[in-house]
Amino acid sequence: MEQLVSIEFPNISLVLPEIVVLITGFLLFSLDLFYKRLNHSLAISLSLVGYFIAFLLLVLNANLKGETFYGLYVRDGFSTLLQAFMVLLTMALLAFNYKYYKHKKSLYGEFYYILNFALVGGMFLVSSYNLIVLYVALEALSISFYILTALLKSDFNSKEGAFKYLMLGGLSIALASYGAGFMYLYSGSLDLRYILTHIGEKEYLLVLGLVFFLIGFAIKIGAVPFHFWLPDAYQGAPTPITAYMASVGKLAFFAPLIRLMPYIQEHFAYAWIITVSLISAFTMLYGNLVALVQKDVKRLLAYSSIAHSGYIMAGIAVANLIGLKAVIYFLIVYALMGFGSFMVLALLERVPHWEHKLEQFSGMRFSHPLLAVSFMLILFALLGVPPTVGFVGKALVFMALSFGKLWWLAFVMIVATGISTGYYLRIIALMFMRDSKERLNLNLSKGEVFTILSIVIAVVLLGALPIILWSFVSPSAETLFAR
């Protein structure tokens, strides 16, 4: 008698937040399709409702863990933590969106559902070990970013930045795909956990695959020498989208590398440490040195973002538990700091003739004290001044490097941070120690004030009480290593 093979139905509860965001995106797409001009208030309200429901599901089911869709999707503490921050940052983005694009005369209904699809891509990218799922999620997030970068009407810099991002972004996905192909040839599996724990013959295929995979993601995160697209894309993109790429983009693109760390430790720790350490050192030094000579603050912060990718990769080089905890912590706090810094610039763009030049920040404390103080605290956090959260993040990475006995990389990190002092303090000195050349005529909405103050309070509070974030980061890292 033939035995019937039982097919297990996927556990949908594990993927409910992503489904909610995806349905929200399709609803917005349908509204934009049937109405020539999408009502922006309706689109923002619908988006916020969808994001809020997704966030509630993530919080209420924070202890829900497991795999579904036959191992294609993983729900654990790490994915839940990163997804919760992604959703919060996307909600914060909508507080700045309408007035910014109205000022730029670039109000498009497409913005809302493309933003949804970017968020869905990012959420799936942090929640899988399967190479096919990672590829699809990477494409969804990347294509959304290409479009959002170019979404400024009659702005050549926006189109140029999007084109450069498209070219090098396509190259990064191609290289990561080649890496996936070599790893599949080696193991016959698409699951990274299986690939890295079943060592067999033709090990060179696995090494080659990992190299291509690492280079593909190094381009995405803007690591030196694969960073060439990032300054132009960040400068040319609408500034809220720059903030989104520097925060949600960083969280998503670093996640697959973080998931590799526990498995690398077992067989390839030495090669991993050397490769990632060298990339990290060059990225930290180059990003800060080039930022030091910039006259455009938006471009300066783009190079600062490159430098921070180096700090994060320094933690990734330490392929052990303390390194993993430091990386997750610093990645989250940089997402918060990077988002806040670019959002201040987005608000300032509503000032007539504003071009982000350094001299335009002179005397900002007289003309707009709220923005001046907020920007100062965020810059202190990016520099790593206590008691801000940036200090805690850098201290954890330094501690991880000392535990891993990577003293030379810790020294490079100190030197790079010292270099960054020059350009962060220069902006602060201009705002508070120079006379104002012209008054900034800028009226902020209540939503914008609330969002900026929330970011600044979080930057200081999480620095003064790091245990708040650490209590979520530590268990998620331990879960990854427990596998």
Protein backbone atom coordinates (compact mmCIF):
# COMPACT_ATOMS: atom_id res chain seq x y z
CA MET A 1 0.00 0.00 0.00
CA GLU A 2 1.43 3.35 -1.01
CA GLN A 3 2.12 5.78 1.78
CA LEU A 4 0.75 9.26 1.35
CA VAL A 5 3.39 11.98 1.66
CA SER A 6 2.18 14.72 3.98
CA ILE A 7 2.94 18.26 2.92
CA GLU A 8 3.36 20.67 5.78
CA PHE A 9 1.48 23.93 5.29
CA PRO A 10 3.75 26.99 5.77
CA ASN A 11 3.39 28.80 9.08
CA ILE A 12 2.01 32.14 7.88
CA SER A 13 2.16 33.69 11.36
CA LEU A 14 5.95 33.90 11.04
CA VAL A 15 5.71 36.16 7.99
CA LEU A 16 2.63 38.24 8.85
CA PRO A 17 4.44 41.63 9.20
CA GLU A 18 5.90 41.28 5.68
CA ILE A 19 2.51 40.28 4.29
CA VAL A 20 0.88 43.36 5.86
CA VAL A 21 3.50 45.69 4.33
CA LEU A 22 3.22 43.94 0.95
CA ILE A 23 -0.60 44.23 0.93
CA THR A 24 -0.25 47.92 1.83
CA GLY A 25 2.07 48.38 -1.15
CA PHE A 26 -0.35 46.68 -3.55
CA LEU A 27 -3.25 48.77 -2.21
CA LEU A 28 -1.27 51.96 -2.86
CA PHE A 29 -0.32 50.66 -6.30
CA SER A 30 -3.98 49.97 -7.11
CA LEU A 31 -5.05 53.43 -5.95
CA ASP A 32 -2.37 55.06 -8.07
CA LEU A 33 -3.38 52.90 -11.03
CA PHE A 34 -7.09 53.76 -10.91
CA TYR A 35 -6.72 57.43 -10.00
CA LYS A 36 -4.59 59.72 -12.14
CA ARG A 37 -3.53 61.72 -9.10
CA LEU A 38 -3.17 59.80 -5.88
CA ASN A 39 -4.34 61.73 -2.83
CA HIS A 40 -1.16 62.16 -0.82
CA SER A 41 -2.93 62.45 2.54
CA LEU A 42 -4.71 59.16 1.85
CA ALA A 43 -1.46 57.50 0.73
CA ILE A 44 0.42 58.65 3.84
CA SER A 45 -2.45 57.60 6.14
CA LEU A 46 -2.77 54.17 4.52
CA SER A 47 1.01 53.67 4.65
CA LEU A 48 1.18 54.63 8.34
CA VAL A 49 -1.68 52.27 9.21
CA GLY A 50 0.03 49.39 7.39
CA TYR A 51 3.40 50.11 9.01
CA PHE A 52 1.85 50.48 12.45
CA ILE A 53 0.06 47.12 12.15
CA ALA A 54 3.32 45.49 10.98
CA PHE A 55 5.21 47.04 13.90
CA LEU A 56 2.58 45.83 16.39
CA LEU A 57 2.82 42.30 14.98
CA LEU A 58 6.60 42.41 15.37
CA VAL A 59 6.41 43.66 18.96
CA LEU A 60 3.55 41.44 20.13
CA ASN A 61 5.11 38.34 18.55
CA ALA A 62 8.71 39.18 19.50
CA ASN A 63 9.18 35.72 21.04
CA LEU A 64 7.87 33.94 17.94
CA LYS A 65 10.71 31.98 16.34
CA GLY A 66 11.00 29.31 13.69
CA GLU A 67 11.27 28.60 9.98
CA THR A 68 8.61 28.48 7.31
CA PHE A 69 8.21 27.90 3.58
CA TYR A 70 10.39 24.80 3.95
CA GLY A 71 13.40 26.61 5.37
CA LEU A 72 13.32 29.54 2.93
CA TYR A 73 12.34 32.05 5.63
CA VAL A 74 13.65 32.41 9.19
CA ARG A 75 12.01 34.28 12.05
CA ASP A 76 14.35 34.89 14.97
CA GLY A 77 15.31 37.65 17.38
CA PHE A 78 17.78 39.16 14.91
CA SER A 79 15.28 39.52 12.06
CA THR A 80 12.55 40.82 14.39
CA LEU A 81 14.86 43.46 15.88
CA LEU A 82 16.11 44.77 12.53
CA GLN A 83 12.65 44.71 10.97
CA ALA A 84 11.18 46.69 13.86
CA PHE A 85 13.77 49.43 13.35
CA MET A 86 13.20 49.37 9.58
CA VAL A 87 9.46 49.91 10.04
CA LEU A 88 9.99 52.71 12.58
CA LEU A 89 12.44 54.52 10.28
CA THR A 90 10.05 54.18 7.34
CA MET A 91 7.26 55.70 9.43
CA ALA A 92 9.58 58.55 10.43
CA LEU A 93 10.41 59.15 6.76
CA LEU A 94 6.76 59.88 5.98
CA ALA A 95 6.78 62.75 8.49
CA PHE A 96 9.22 64.63 6.22
CA ASN A 97 8.14 63.37 2.84
CA TYR A 98 5.22 65.54 1.70
CA LYS A 99 6.58 69.03 2.40
CA TYR A 100 10.00 68.09 0.98
CA TYR A 101 8.68 66.82 -2.35
CA LYS A 102 6.14 69.63 -2.58
CA HIS A 103 8.99 72.13 -2.21
CA LYS A 104 10.91 70.27 -4.93
CA LYS A 105 7.78 70.14 -7.14
CA SER A 106 8.23 66.39 -7.43
CA LEU A 107 5.10 64.93 -5.85
CA TYR A 108 4.59 61.48 -7.35
CA GLY A 109 2.10 58.85 -6.23
CA GLU A 110 4.60 56.15 -7.19
CA PHE A 111 6.78 57.13 -4.23
CA TYR A 112 4.55 55.45 -1.65
CA TYR A 113 4.26 51.96 -3.08
CA ILE A 114 7.89 51.88 -4.23
CA LEU A 115 8.85 52.75 -0.65
CA ASN A 116 6.69 49.82 0.51
CA PHE A 117 8.40 47.43 -1.87
CA ALA A 118 11.81 48.68 -0.70
CA LEU A 119 10.78 47.95 2.88
CA VAL A 120 9.51 44.47 1.97
CA GLY A 121 12.81 43.72 0.18
CA GLY A 122 14.77 44.83 3.22
CA MET A 123 12.60 42.79 5.60
CA PHE A 124 13.12 39.61 3.58
CA LEU A 125 16.84 40.29 3.17
CA VAL A 126 17.38 40.14 6.94
CA SER A 127 15.32 36.97 7.35
CA SER A 128 16.74 34.23 5.14
CA TYR A 129 19.73 31.98 4.56
CA ASN A 130 18.48 30.86 1.16
CA LEU A 131 20.46 32.22 -1.79
CA ILE A 132 17.41 32.54 -4.07
CA VAL A 133 15.41 34.46 -1.47
CA LEU A 134 18.41 36.70 -0.79
CA TYR A 135 18.74 37.39 -4.53
CA VAL A 136 15.06 38.30 -4.96
CA ALA A 137 15.06 40.48 -1.83
CA LEU A 138 18.29 42.18 -2.92
CA GLU A 139 16.79 42.98 -6.32
CA ALA A 140 13.55 44.29 -4.81
CA LEU A 141 15.39 46.64 -2.45
CA SER A 142 17.99 47.74 -5.02
CA ILE A 143 15.54 48.47 -7.86
CA SER A 144 13.37 50.46 -5.46
CA PHE A 145 16.41 52.51 -4.42
CA TYR A 146 17.35 53.18 -8.08
CA ILE A 147 13.90 54.58 -8.76
CA LEU A 148 13.65 56.57 -5.53
CA THR A 149 17.08 58.11 -6.16
CA ALA A 150 15.94 59.45 -9.53
CA LEU A 151 12.58 60.73 -8.27
CA LEU A 152 13.36 64.45 -8.48
CA LYS A 153 11.84 66.36 -11.37
CA SER A 154 14.29 68.22 -13.65
CA ASP A 155 17.29 67.43 -11.45
CA PHE A 156 20.29 66.17 -13.42
CA ASN A 157 22.28 65.25 -10.29
CA SER A 158 19.46 62.99 -9.17
CA LYS A 159 19.42 61.16 -12.51
CA GLU A 160 23.22 60.93 -12.64
CA GLY A 161 23.39 59.51 -9.11
CA ALA A 162 20.67 56.97 -9.92
CA PHE A 163 22.47 55.90 -13.11
CA LYS A 164 25.78 55.35 -11.30
CA TYR A 165 23.97 53.47 -8.54
CA LEU A 166 22.21 51.34 -11.18
CA MET A 167 25.46 50.44 -12.95
CA LEU A 168 27.47 49.48 -9.87
CA GLY A 169 24.41 48.08 -8.11
CA GLY A 170 23.83 45.75 -11.05
CA LEU A 171 27.48 44.72 -10.91
CA SER A 172 27.21 43.97 -7.19
CA ILE A 173 24.17 41.73 -7.69
CA ALA A 174 25.90 39.97 -10.59
CA LEU A 175 28.98 39.28 -8.45
CA ALA A 176 26.89 38.07 -5.51
CA SER A 177 24.98 35.81 -7.94
CA TYR A 178 28.23 34.38 -9.30
CA GLY A 179 29.27 33.70 -5.73
CA ALA A 180 25.97 31.94 -5.06
CA GLY A 181 26.48 29.86 -8.21
CA PHE A 182 29.93 28.70 -7.11
CA MET A 183 28.63 27.84 -3.64
CA TYR A 184 25.80 25.82 -5.19
CA LEU A 185 28.24 23.94 -7.44
CA TYR A 186 30.29 23.12 -4.36
CA SER A 187 27.49 21.90 -2.10
CA GLY A 188 24.39 21.25 -4.22
CA SER A 189 22.44 23.35 -1.72
CA LEU A 190 21.06 26.88 -1.69
CA ASP A 191 21.08 27.16 2.12
CA LEU A 192 24.08 29.07 3.47
CA ARG A 193 23.98 27.10 6.74
CA TYR A 194 24.34 23.79 4.92
CA ILE A 195 26.96 25.15 2.52
CA LEU A 196 29.23 26.41 5.31
CA THR A 197 28.90 23.43 7.64
CA HIS A 198 29.38 20.59 5.15
CA ILE A 199 32.98 20.85 4.02
CA GLY A 200 33.87 18.48 1.20
CA GLU A 201 35.96 18.27 -1.93
CA LYS A 202 36.73 21.14 -4.32
CA GLU A 203 36.91 23.61 -1.47
CA TYR A 204 38.22 26.25 -3.89
CA LEU A 205 34.67 26.56 -5.27
CA LEU A 206 33.42 27.51 -1.81
CA VAL A 207 36.24 30.01 -1.26
CA LEU A 208 35.63 31.55 -4.70
CA GLY A 209 31.90 31.73 -4.01
CA LEU A 210 32.42 33.44 -0.66
CA VAL A 211 34.82 35.97 -2.21
CA PHE A 212 32.34 36.96 -4.95
CA PHE A 213 29.49 37.02 -2.42
CA LEU A 214 31.47 39.28 -0.08
CA ILE A 215 32.50 41.66 -2.89
CA GLY A 216 28.89 41.91 -4.08
CA PHE A 217 27.72 43.07 -0.66
CA ALA A 218 30.82 45.23 -0.15
CA ILE A 219 29.66 47.29 -3.15
CA LYS A 220 26.20 47.65 -1.63
CA ILE A 221 27.49 48.89 1.72
CA GLY A 222 29.99 51.26 0.12
CA ALA A 223 33.20 49.62 1.36
CA VAL A 224 36.49 50.78 -0.16
CA PRO A 225 37.49 50.15 -2.97
CA PHE A 226 33.90 49.43 -4.08
CA HIS A 227 32.46 52.76 -2.91
CA PHE A 228 32.55 54.90 -6.07
CA TRP A 229 28.79 55.04 -6.59
CA LEU A 230 27.90 56.07 -3.04
CA PRO A 231 28.93 59.77 -2.78
CA ASP A 232 27.23 60.68 -6.09
CA ALA A 233 24.10 58.66 -5.33
CA TYR A 234 23.80 60.05 -1.79
CA GLN A 235 24.39 63.63 -2.98
CA GLY A 236 22.08 63.43 -5.99
CA ALA A 237 19.20 61.54 -4.38
CA PRO A 238 16.32 63.33 -2.65
CA THR A 239 17.70 63.87 0.85
CA PRO A 240 14.96 61.83 2.64
CA ILE A 241 15.89 58.92 0.36
CA THR A 242 19.56 59.46 1.17
CA ALA A 243 18.57 59.15 4.84
CA TYR A 244 16.64 55.98 4.04
CA MET A 245 19.53 54.41 2.14
CA ALA A 246 21.95 55.30 4.95
CA SER A 247 19.70 53.70 7.56
CA VAL A 248 17.34 51.00 6.28
CA GLY A 249 19.69 50.24 3.37
CA LYS A 250 22.62 49.72 5.76
CA LEU A 251 20.54 47.47 8.04
CA ALA A 252 19.42 45.31 5.11
CA PHE A 253 22.71 45.03 3.19
CA PHE A 254 24.78 44.17 6.27
CA ALA A 255 22.34 41.50 7.53
CA PRO A 256 23.46 38.60 5.26
CA LEU A 257 27.12 39.21 6.21
CA ILE A 258 26.15 39.18 9.88
CA ARG A 259 24.34 35.86 9.43
CA LEU A 260 27.54 34.42 7.94
CA MET A 261 29.68 35.26 10.99
CA PRO A 262 28.89 32.23 13.22
CA TYR A 263 29.56 29.81 10.36
CA ILE A 264 32.74 31.50 9.12
CA GLN A 265 34.30 31.05 12.55
CA GLU A 266 34.31 27.28 12.18
CA HIS A 267 36.34 26.84 8.98
CA PHE A 268 37.47 30.13 7.44
CA ALA A 269 38.16 32.38 10.42
CA TYR A 270 41.76 33.25 9.48
CA ALA A 271 41.05 34.16 5.83
CA TRP A 272 37.88 36.03 6.88
CA ILE A 273 39.72 38.08 9.53
CA ILE A 274 42.51 39.13 7.15
CA THR A 275 40.19 40.03 4.24
CA VAL A 276 37.52 41.88 6.21
CA SER A 277 40.10 43.64 8.43
CA LEU A 278 41.96 45.08 5.45
CA ILE A 279 38.74 46.26 3.77
CA SER A 280 37.63 47.76 7.09
CA ALA A 281 40.90 49.64 7.65
CA PHE A 282 40.96 51.15 4.14
CA THR A 283 37.26 52.07 4.40
CA MET A 284 37.63 53.85 7.75
CA LEU A 285 40.69 55.82 6.72
CA TYR A 286 39.59 56.71 3.20
CA GLY A 287 36.06 57.74 4.20
CA ASN A 288 37.26 60.07 6.96
CA LEU A 289 40.19 61.54 5.02
CA VAL A 290 38.06 62.44 2.00
CA ALA A 291 35.24 63.77 4.21
CA LEU A 292 37.79 66.10 5.81
CA VAL A 293 38.22 68.13 2.58
CA GLN A 294 34.56 68.34 1.54
CA LYS A 295 32.82 71.70 1.28
CA ASP A 296 29.35 70.23 0.68
CA VAL A 297 27.89 68.88 3.95
CA LYS A 298 25.65 66.34 2.24
CA ARG A 299 28.63 64.87 0.39
CA LEU A 300 30.65 65.07 3.61
CA LEU A 301 28.06 62.93 5.39
CA ALA A 302 28.11 60.49 2.45
CA TYR A 303 31.83 59.91 3.03
CA SER A 304 31.10 59.70 6.76
CA SER A 305 28.68 56.88 5.90
CA ILE A 306 31.50 55.09 4.06
CA ALA A 307 33.71 55.46 7.14
CA HIS A 308 30.99 54.04 9.37
CA SER A 309 30.70 51.02 7.07
CA GLY A 310 34.37 50.50 7.94
CA TYR A 311 33.65 50.66 11.68
CA ILE A 312 30.89 48.07 11.29
CA MET A 313 33.13 45.82 9.19
CA ALA A 314 35.79 46.02 11.92
CA GLY A 315 33.31 44.27 14.20
CA ILE A 316 32.44 41.76 11.48
CA ALA A 317 36.14 40.87 11.20
CA VAL A 318 35.93 39.54 14.78
CA ALA A 319 34.08 36.32 13.95
CA ASN A 320 32.97 35.53 17.50
CA LEU A 321 30.02 36.27 19.77
CA ILE A 322 31.26 39.58 21.20
CA GLY A 323 32.02 40.77 17.67
CA LEU A 324 28.52 39.84 16.54
CA LYS A 325 26.91 41.71 19.44
CA ALA A 326 29.03 44.80 18.76
CA VAL A 327 28.18 44.75 15.05
CA ILE A 328 24.41 44.47 15.57
CA TYR A 329 24.46 47.23 18.20
CA PHE A 330 26.58 49.61 16.13
CA LEU A 331 24.61 48.89 12.95
CA ILE A 332 21.33 49.85 14.62
CA VAL A 333 22.70 53.00 16.26
CA TYR A 334 24.32 54.17 13.01
CA ALA A 335 21.00 53.68 11.23
CA LEU A 336 19.45 56.03 13.79
CA MET A 337 22.29 58.60 13.62
CA GLY A 338 22.58 58.50 9.82
CA PHE A 339 18.84 58.92 9.39
CA GLY A 340 18.74 61.89 11.75
CA SER A 341 21.72 63.68 10.18
CA PHE A 342 20.38 63.54 6.64
CA MET A 343 16.88 64.46 7.78
CA VAL A 344 18.20 67.71 9.25
CA LEU A 345 19.65 68.48 5.81
CA ALA A 346 16.31 67.59 4.20
CA LEU A 347 14.58 70.21 6.36
CA LEU A 348 17.20 72.84 5.53
CA GLU A 349 16.64 72.37 1.80
CA ARG A 350 13.37 74.29 2.16
CA VAL A 351 15.43 77.42 2.91
CA PRO A 352 15.71 79.57 -0.27
CA HIS A 353 19.01 79.09 -2.14
CA TRP A 354 20.19 76.41 0.26
CA GLU A 355 23.01 74.27 -1.21
CA HIS A 356 24.45 72.47 1.86
CA LYS A 357 27.64 74.56 1.71
CA LEU A 358 29.65 74.69 4.92
CA GLU A 359 29.49 78.47 5.20
CA GLN A 360 25.68 78.35 5.12
CA PHE A 361 25.70 76.70 8.56
CA SER A 362 27.35 79.78 10.13
CA GLY A 363 25.39 81.10 13.09
CA MET A 364 22.55 78.59 12.79
CA ARG A 365 22.04 78.74 16.55
CA PHE A 366 20.72 82.30 16.14
CA SER A 367 18.34 81.66 13.25
CA HIS A 368 17.14 78.13 14.11
CA PRO A 369 18.33 76.95 17.56
CA LEU A 370 16.25 73.75 17.53
CA LEU A 371 17.86 72.43 14.36
CA ALA A 372 21.31 73.64 15.43
CA VAL A 373 21.18 71.82 18.79
CA SER A 374 19.65 68.71 17.22
CA PHE A 375 22.29 68.57 14.48
CA MET A 376 25.05 69.17 17.03
CA LEU A 377 23.95 66.22 19.20
CA ILE A 378 23.67 63.92 16.17
CA LEU A 379 27.15 64.97 14.99
CA PHE A 380 28.53 64.32 18.48
CA ALA A 381 26.96 60.85 18.29
CA LEU A 382 28.53 60.19 14.87
CA LEU A 383 31.88 61.27 16.30
CA GLY A 384 31.43 59.01 19.33
CA VAL A 385 31.28 61.57 22.14
CA PRO A 386 29.81 60.32 25.46
CA PRO A 387 27.07 60.08 26.60
CA THR A 388 25.63 59.66 23.09
CA VAL A 389 24.82 56.28 21.61
CA GLY A 390 27.64 56.58 19.07
CA PHE A 391 30.19 56.37 21.89
CA VAL A 392 28.67 53.10 23.11
CA GLY A 393 28.67 51.63 19.59
CA LYS A 394 32.33 52.47 18.94
CA ALA A 395 33.34 51.33 22.43
CA LEU A 396 31.72 47.93 21.81
CA VAL A 397 33.50 47.51 18.47
CA PHE A 398 36.81 48.49 20.11
CA MET A 399 36.17 45.98 22.90
CA ALA A 400 35.42 43.27 20.33
CA LEU A 401 38.69 44.05 18.51
CA SER A 402 40.62 43.79 21.79
CA PHE A 403 39.01 40.42 22.58
CA GLY A 404 39.91 39.27 19.07
CA LYS A 405 43.48 40.56 19.56
CA LEU A 406 43.18 42.76 16.44
CA TRP A 407 45.16 45.56 18.08
CA TRP A 408 46.37 47.03 14.80
CA LEU A 409 42.79 47.42 13.55
CA ALA A 410 41.76 48.98 16.88
CA PHE A 411 44.59 51.49 16.44
CA VAL A 412 43.41 52.28 12.89
CA MET A 413 39.92 52.82 14.28
CA ILE A 414 41.24 55.31 16.85
CA VAL A 415 43.20 57.18 14.15
CA ALA A 416 40.17 57.25 11.83
CA THR A 417 37.95 58.58 14.63
CA GLY A 418 40.57 61.26 15.37
CA ILE A 419 40.51 62.33 11.72
CA SER A 420 36.70 62.57 11.79
CA THR A 421 36.95 65.04 14.67
CA GLY A 422 38.14 67.66 12.17
CA TYR A 423 35.03 67.79 10.03
CA TYR A 424 32.37 67.11 12.68
CA LEU A 425 33.66 69.82 15.02
CA ARG A 426 34.10 72.23 12.09
CA ILE A 427 30.36 72.10 11.39
CA ILE A 428 29.53 72.51 15.10
CA ALA A 429 31.94 75.44 15.40
CA LEU A 430 30.33 77.15 12.41
CA MET A 431 26.85 76.76 13.89
CA PHE A 432 27.71 78.00 17.39
CA MET A 433 30.84 80.15 17.12
CA ARG A 434 30.22 82.19 13.97
CA ASP A 435 27.81 85.04 13.34
CA SER A 436 24.78 84.39 11.19
CA LYS A 437 25.10 85.66 7.62
CA GLU A 438 21.39 85.36 6.84
CA ARG A 439 18.30 84.30 8.72
CA LEU A 440 16.88 80.87 7.95
CA ASN A 441 13.22 81.25 7.08
CA LEU A 442 12.03 77.76 7.92
CA ASN A 443 8.78 76.71 9.53
CA LEU A 444 8.65 73.13 10.76
CA SER A 445 5.43 71.17 11.13
CA LYS A 446 4.55 69.51 14.42
CA GLY A 447 5.26 66.10 12.89
CA GLU A 448 8.73 67.18 11.79
CA VAL A 449 9.56 68.68 15.20
CA PHE A 450 8.29 65.57 16.98
CA THR A 451 10.30 63.22 14.75
CA ILE A 452 13.56 65.18 15.03
CA LEU A 453 13.19 65.50 18.82
CA SER A 454 12.42 61.77 19.07
CA ILE A 455 15.62 60.91 17.17
CA VAL A 456 17.73 63.26 19.30
CA ILE A 457 16.23 61.96 22.56
CA ALA A 458 16.86 58.37 21.42
CA VAL A 459 20.49 59.24 20.51
CA VAL A 460 21.14 60.60 24.01
CA LEU A 461 18.93 58.22 26.01
CA LEU A 462 20.30 55.04 24.42
CA GLY A 463 23.81 56.39 25.08
CA ALA A 464 23.10 57.17 28.73
CA LEU A 465 21.21 53.87 29.21
CA PRO A 466 22.74 51.44 26.68
CA ILE A 467 21.16 48.48 28.47
CA ILE A 468 17.83 49.38 26.82
CA LEU A 469 19.08 48.40 23.36
CA TRP A 470 21.62 45.87 24.60
CA SER A 471 18.84 43.78 26.20
CA PHE A 472 17.47 43.17 22.69
CA VAL A 473 20.78 42.91 20.84
CA SER A 474 22.48 40.39 23.12
CA PRO A 475 19.81 37.63 22.95
CA SER A 476 19.48 38.00 19.16
CA ALA A 477 23.24 37.56 18.71
CA GLU A 478 23.31 34.57 21.05
CA THR A 479 20.50 32.96 19.06
CA LEU A 480 22.51 33.28 15.84
CA PHE A 481 25.59 31.70 17.43
CA ALA A 482 23.53 28.97 19.09
CA ARG A 483 22.74 27.59 15.64
